[in-house]
Amino acid sequence: MTALSTRRSFSGTALKTIACITMLVDHIGASCIEAGILTPGLDIGTLSRDTLSAYPLYQLDRVLRFTGRLAFPIFCFLLVEGFVHTRDVKKYVRRLFLFALISEVPFDLAFFRTPFALYHQNVYWTLALGVLAMAGLKHFEKPDGSASWKGLLCVAGCTLAALLACTDYDGIGVLIICALYLTRGDRKRQCIVGAVLFAWELTAPLAFVLVWFYNGQRGACSPLHKKAFYWFYPVHLSVLAVVTNLLL
């Protein structure tokens, strides 16, 4: 890793907090406004697609969603950091898969208003597959630290699994996680690669401005705080599911 500037000021805990907040903002738009109001309105004809862009709630939704595009790139970066520093990769993967299972019904209810939406799975599945792909790259890496064909085959398998399972960000998410892992030794290159790979989402590359100021430290994070980060995803989705399905 290149030397870190003393001016960098975001710890891992700070970045994760920013990611959680922007994710919540994004999901309020996707769940409450889109799934709860706009989509039903279009389906029953109370809203018109021709005039939708002038509708105040639609404009608010765009602001929320564009803000929320910062979240996933930060989570991808922190996933790489977590993988590099974890003492137990198997435990790390098991935890991600566990929370993927816990989060699936709240995710489907919040965004698709059904407990079982087989055509779209939550982002924890993508993150878990990303860790498996990185584990393959690490296990089969060449003596000089570069990726071997066996490692790349592991990446391809995890990418295909994400595509077939229709996980959030699907195979693209897995590939981006692996790209950030392979460039982890040079923060500047890592940020450039991440920003370029997320260029298809208008505001997502801005997340790497925050990543650039990461100070390489975990920051203050108690065991309870750590658990709260994991539980934030299913809990906030459960709240949004209640609002979207019962109150809107």
Protein backbone atom coordinates (compact mmCIF):
# COMPACT_ATOMS: atom_id res chain seq x y z
CA MET A 1 0.00 0.00 0.00
CA THR A 2 1.29 3.45 -0.86
CA ALA A 3 2.02 5.73 2.07
CA LEU A 4 -1.04 7.40 3.49
CA SER A 5 -1.20 11.16 3.76
CA THR A 6 -1.48 12.55 7.28
CA ARG A 7 -4.28 14.75 5.96
CA ARG A 8 -6.56 11.76 5.31
CA SER A 9 -9.23 11.76 7.92
CA PHE A 10 -11.90 9.07 7.31
CA SER A 11 -11.63 5.89 9.35
CA GLY A 12 -13.28 2.66 8.28
CA THR A 13 -16.04 3.24 10.81
CA ALA A 14 -16.67 6.73 9.45
CA LEU A 15 -16.87 5.45 5.87
CA LYS A 16 -19.22 2.66 6.89
CA THR A 17 -21.46 5.17 8.68
CA ILE A 18 -21.58 7.35 5.56
CA ALA A 19 -22.39 4.29 3.46
CA CYS A 20 -25.23 3.26 5.78
CA ILE A 21 -26.74 6.75 5.78
CA THR A 22 -26.59 7.13 2.00
CA MET A 23 -27.97 3.60 1.58
CA LEU A 24 -30.92 4.49 3.81
CA VAL A 25 -31.56 7.63 1.75
CA ASP A 26 -31.45 5.55 -1.44
CA HIS A 27 -33.81 2.91 -0.07
CA ILE A 28 -36.36 5.45 1.11
CA GLY A 29 -36.64 6.53 -2.51
CA ALA A 30 -36.67 3.02 -3.97
CA SER A 31 -39.13 1.62 -1.43
CA CYS A 32 -41.44 4.32 -0.09
CA ILE A 33 -41.59 6.56 -3.16
CA GLU A 34 -41.07 4.16 -6.07
CA ALA A 35 -42.55 0.87 -4.82
CA GLY A 36 -45.05 2.52 -2.51
CA ILE A 37 -46.38 5.44 -4.59
CA LEU A 38 -45.03 5.86 -8.12
CA THR A 39 -45.25 2.29 -9.43
CA PRO A 40 -48.77 1.66 -8.06
CA GLY A 41 -49.85 5.04 -9.44
CA LEU A 42 -48.58 4.14 -12.90
CA ASP A 43 -50.19 0.71 -12.72
CA ILE A 44 -53.67 1.99 -11.89
CA GLY A 45 -53.42 5.04 -14.13
CA THR A 46 -53.47 7.84 -11.56
CA LEU A 47 -50.01 8.85 -12.79
CA SER A 48 -48.91 9.26 -16.40
CA ARG A 49 -45.47 8.29 -17.69
CA ASP A 50 -45.55 11.29 -20.00
CA THR A 51 -45.76 13.78 -17.11
CA LEU A 52 -43.99 11.74 -14.44
CA SER A 53 -40.74 13.73 -14.61
CA ALA A 54 -42.61 16.89 -13.53
CA TYR A 55 -44.15 15.18 -10.49
CA PRO A 56 -42.56 16.55 -7.24
CA LEU A 57 -42.23 13.12 -5.66
CA TYR A 58 -40.44 11.83 -8.75
CA GLN A 59 -37.97 14.71 -8.54
CA LEU A 60 -37.42 14.01 -4.84
CA ASP A 61 -36.88 10.36 -5.66
CA ARG A 62 -34.15 11.26 -8.16
CA VAL A 63 -32.34 13.29 -5.49
CA LEU A 64 -32.56 10.43 -3.00
CA ARG A 65 -31.41 7.79 -5.49
CA PHE A 66 -28.50 9.86 -6.79
CA THR A 67 -27.36 10.44 -3.21
CA GLY A 68 -27.68 6.75 -2.50
CA ARG A 69 -25.37 5.78 -5.36
CA LEU A 70 -22.45 6.56 -3.05
CA ALA A 71 -23.22 3.61 -0.77
CA PHE A 72 -22.34 0.50 -2.77
CA PRO A 73 -18.88 1.66 -3.95
CA ILE A 74 -17.94 2.41 -0.34
CA PHE A 75 -19.23 -0.97 0.81
CA CYS A 76 -17.19 -2.67 -1.94
CA PHE A 77 -14.04 -0.89 -0.82
CA LEU A 78 -14.67 -1.73 2.85
CA LEU A 79 -15.37 -5.34 1.92
CA VAL A 80 -11.90 -5.55 0.37
CA GLU A 81 -10.40 -3.98 3.51
CA GLY A 82 -12.32 -6.42 5.68
CA PHE A 83 -11.18 -9.39 3.62
CA VAL A 84 -7.53 -8.32 3.70
CA HIS A 85 -7.54 -7.87 7.49
CA THR A 86 -9.86 -10.65 8.64
CA ARG A 87 -8.37 -13.49 10.68
CA ASP A 88 -11.03 -15.96 9.55
CA VAL A 89 -12.28 -15.76 5.96
CA LYS A 90 -14.65 -18.70 6.42
CA LYS A 91 -16.35 -16.97 9.35
CA TYR A 92 -16.52 -13.75 7.33
CA VAL A 93 -18.25 -15.52 4.43
CA ARG A 94 -20.64 -17.42 6.71
CA ARG A 95 -21.68 -14.17 8.38
CA LEU A 96 -22.40 -12.53 5.03
CA PHE A 97 -24.45 -15.48 3.80
CA LEU A 98 -26.36 -15.58 7.11
CA PHE A 99 -27.35 -11.94 6.80
CA ALA A 100 -28.21 -12.49 3.14
CA LEU A 101 -30.76 -15.08 4.27
CA ILE A 102 -32.07 -12.87 7.09
CA SER A 103 -32.43 -9.87 4.77
CA GLU A 104 -34.12 -11.53 1.80
CA VAL A 105 -37.78 -11.34 2.86
CA PRO A 106 -37.50 -7.73 4.16
CA PHE A 107 -35.71 -6.82 0.91
CA ASP A 108 -38.42 -8.35 -1.27
CA LEU A 109 -41.22 -6.76 0.76
CA ALA A 110 -39.58 -3.34 0.77
CA PHE A 111 -38.87 -3.13 -2.96
CA PHE A 112 -41.28 -5.57 -4.63
CA ARG A 113 -44.15 -5.75 -2.11
CA THR A 114 -43.99 -9.55 -2.00
CA PRO A 115 -42.17 -11.83 0.46
CA PHE A 116 -40.58 -13.85 -2.33
CA ALA A 117 -39.22 -12.06 -5.41
CA LEU A 118 -37.12 -14.73 -7.10
CA TYR A 119 -36.02 -12.33 -9.84
CA HIS A 120 -33.94 -10.09 -7.53
CA GLN A 121 -31.88 -10.93 -4.43
CA ASN A 122 -30.38 -8.59 -1.83
CA VAL A 123 -26.87 -7.15 -1.89
CA TYR A 124 -25.49 -9.36 0.89
CA TRP A 125 -25.43 -12.22 -1.64
CA THR A 126 -23.27 -10.08 -3.94
CA LEU A 127 -20.89 -9.19 -1.12
CA ALA A 128 -20.60 -12.82 -0.02
CA LEU A 129 -19.81 -13.94 -3.56
CA GLY A 130 -17.30 -11.10 -3.80
CA VAL A 131 -15.47 -12.45 -0.75
CA LEU A 132 -15.47 -15.97 -2.21
CA ALA A 133 -14.02 -14.58 -5.44
CA MET A 134 -11.29 -12.71 -3.54
CA ALA A 135 -10.53 -15.87 -1.56
CA GLY A 136 -10.03 -17.70 -4.86
CA LEU A 137 -7.72 -14.97 -6.14
CA LYS A 138 -5.68 -15.06 -2.95
CA HIS A 139 -5.48 -18.86 -2.77
CA PHE A 140 -4.27 -19.24 -6.35
CA GLU A 141 -2.24 -16.06 -6.70
CA LYS A 142 1.16 -16.24 -8.41
CA PRO A 143 4.39 -15.78 -6.43
CA ASP A 144 4.55 -12.14 -7.56
CA GLY A 145 1.05 -11.52 -6.17
CA SER A 146 -0.71 -11.29 -9.54
CA ALA A 147 -3.84 -13.26 -10.43
CA SER A 148 -3.49 -16.76 -11.88
CA TRP A 149 -5.87 -18.36 -14.34
CA LYS A 150 -7.27 -20.52 -11.53
CA GLY A 151 -8.01 -17.43 -9.47
CA LEU A 152 -9.67 -15.74 -12.43
CA LEU A 153 -11.72 -18.89 -12.95
CA CYS A 154 -12.97 -18.55 -9.37
CA VAL A 155 -13.93 -14.95 -10.13
CA ALA A 156 -15.78 -16.06 -13.26
CA GLY A 157 -17.68 -18.70 -11.28
CA CYS A 158 -18.77 -16.24 -8.59
CA THR A 159 -19.70 -13.67 -11.23
CA LEU A 160 -21.82 -16.25 -13.04
CA ALA A 161 -23.49 -17.25 -9.77
CA ALA A 162 -24.41 -13.62 -9.09
CA LEU A 163 -25.81 -13.23 -12.60
CA LEU A 164 -27.88 -16.41 -12.41
CA ALA A 165 -29.19 -15.58 -8.93
CA CYS A 166 -30.02 -11.99 -9.97
CA THR A 167 -28.32 -10.50 -6.92
CA ASP A 168 -28.29 -6.75 -6.40
CA TYR A 169 -25.59 -5.35 -8.74
CA ASP A 170 -25.28 -8.98 -9.99
CA GLY A 171 -22.03 -10.00 -11.67
CA ILE A 172 -20.87 -6.41 -12.14
CA GLY A 173 -20.70 -6.03 -8.38
CA VAL A 174 -18.50 -9.11 -8.00
CA LEU A 175 -16.15 -7.97 -10.77
CA ILE A 176 -15.79 -4.50 -9.24
CA ILE A 177 -15.02 -5.99 -5.82
CA CYS A 178 -12.28 -8.10 -7.41
CA ALA A 179 -10.90 -5.13 -9.33
CA LEU A 180 -10.62 -3.16 -6.08
CA TYR A 181 -8.90 -6.13 -4.47
CA LEU A 182 -6.36 -6.48 -7.28
CA THR A 183 -5.49 -2.76 -7.09
CA ARG A 184 -5.40 -2.59 -3.28
CA GLY A 185 -1.65 -1.93 -3.21
CA ASP A 186 -2.00 1.52 -4.80
CA ARG A 187 -4.78 3.74 -3.44
CA LYS A 188 -4.59 6.17 -6.35
CA ARG A 189 -4.94 3.41 -8.92
CA GLN A 190 -7.65 1.75 -6.85
CA CYS A 191 -9.72 4.94 -6.75
CA ILE A 192 -9.28 5.57 -10.47
CA VAL A 193 -10.25 2.00 -11.36
CA GLY A 194 -13.25 2.11 -9.03
CA ALA A 195 -14.46 5.45 -10.38
CA VAL A 196 -14.14 4.26 -13.99
CA LEU A 197 -15.94 0.97 -13.32
CA PHE A 198 -18.81 2.82 -11.61
CA ALA A 199 -19.04 5.49 -14.35
CA TRP A 200 -22.31 3.95 -15.57
CA GLU A 201 -23.95 5.38 -12.44
CA LEU A 202 -23.86 9.17 -12.51
CA THR A 203 -22.87 9.95 -8.91
CA ALA A 204 -21.28 6.64 -7.83
CA PRO A 205 -17.70 7.61 -8.84
CA LEU A 206 -17.84 10.43 -6.28
CA ALA A 207 -17.65 7.78 -3.56
CA PHE A 208 -13.98 7.35 -4.36
CA VAL A 209 -13.30 10.92 -3.31
CA LEU A 210 -14.24 9.75 0.18
CA VAL A 211 -12.24 6.53 -0.24
CA TRP A 212 -9.17 8.58 -1.16
CA PHE A 213 -9.33 10.22 2.28
CA TYR A 214 -9.50 6.86 4.09
CA ASN A 215 -6.75 6.90 6.72
CA GLY A 216 -6.19 3.15 6.84
CA GLN A 217 -7.53 2.86 10.39
CA ARG A 218 -10.60 0.95 11.54
CA GLY A 219 -11.60 3.72 13.94
CA ALA A 220 -13.55 3.39 17.17
CA CYS A 221 -15.92 0.44 16.77
CA SER A 222 -17.09 -1.60 19.74
CA PRO A 223 -18.38 -5.18 19.28
CA LEU A 224 -21.93 -3.83 19.68
CA HIS A 225 -21.26 -1.16 17.05
CA LYS A 226 -19.90 -3.82 14.70
CA LYS A 227 -23.03 -5.93 15.12
CA ALA A 228 -25.18 -2.86 14.54
CA PHE A 229 -23.59 -2.34 11.12
CA TYR A 230 -24.51 -5.88 10.08
CA TRP A 231 -28.05 -5.62 11.44
CA PHE A 232 -28.69 -2.19 9.97
CA TYR A 233 -29.46 -3.65 6.54
CA PRO A 234 -32.25 -6.12 7.47
CA VAL A 235 -33.67 -3.87 10.20
CA HIS A 236 -34.04 -0.74 8.07
CA LEU A 237 -35.48 -2.84 5.23
CA SER A 238 -38.04 -4.28 7.64
CA VAL A 239 -39.11 -0.78 8.68
CA LEU A 240 -39.37 0.34 5.05
CA ALA A 241 -41.33 -2.80 4.21
CA VAL A 242 -43.90 -1.94 6.90
CA VAL A 243 -44.18 1.67 5.70
CA THR A 244 -44.44 0.74 2.03
CA ASN A 245 -46.88 -2.16 2.41
CA LEU A 246 -49.05 -1.05 5.32
CA LEU A 247 -48.95 2.76 5.44
CA LEU A 248 -48.75 3.84 1.79
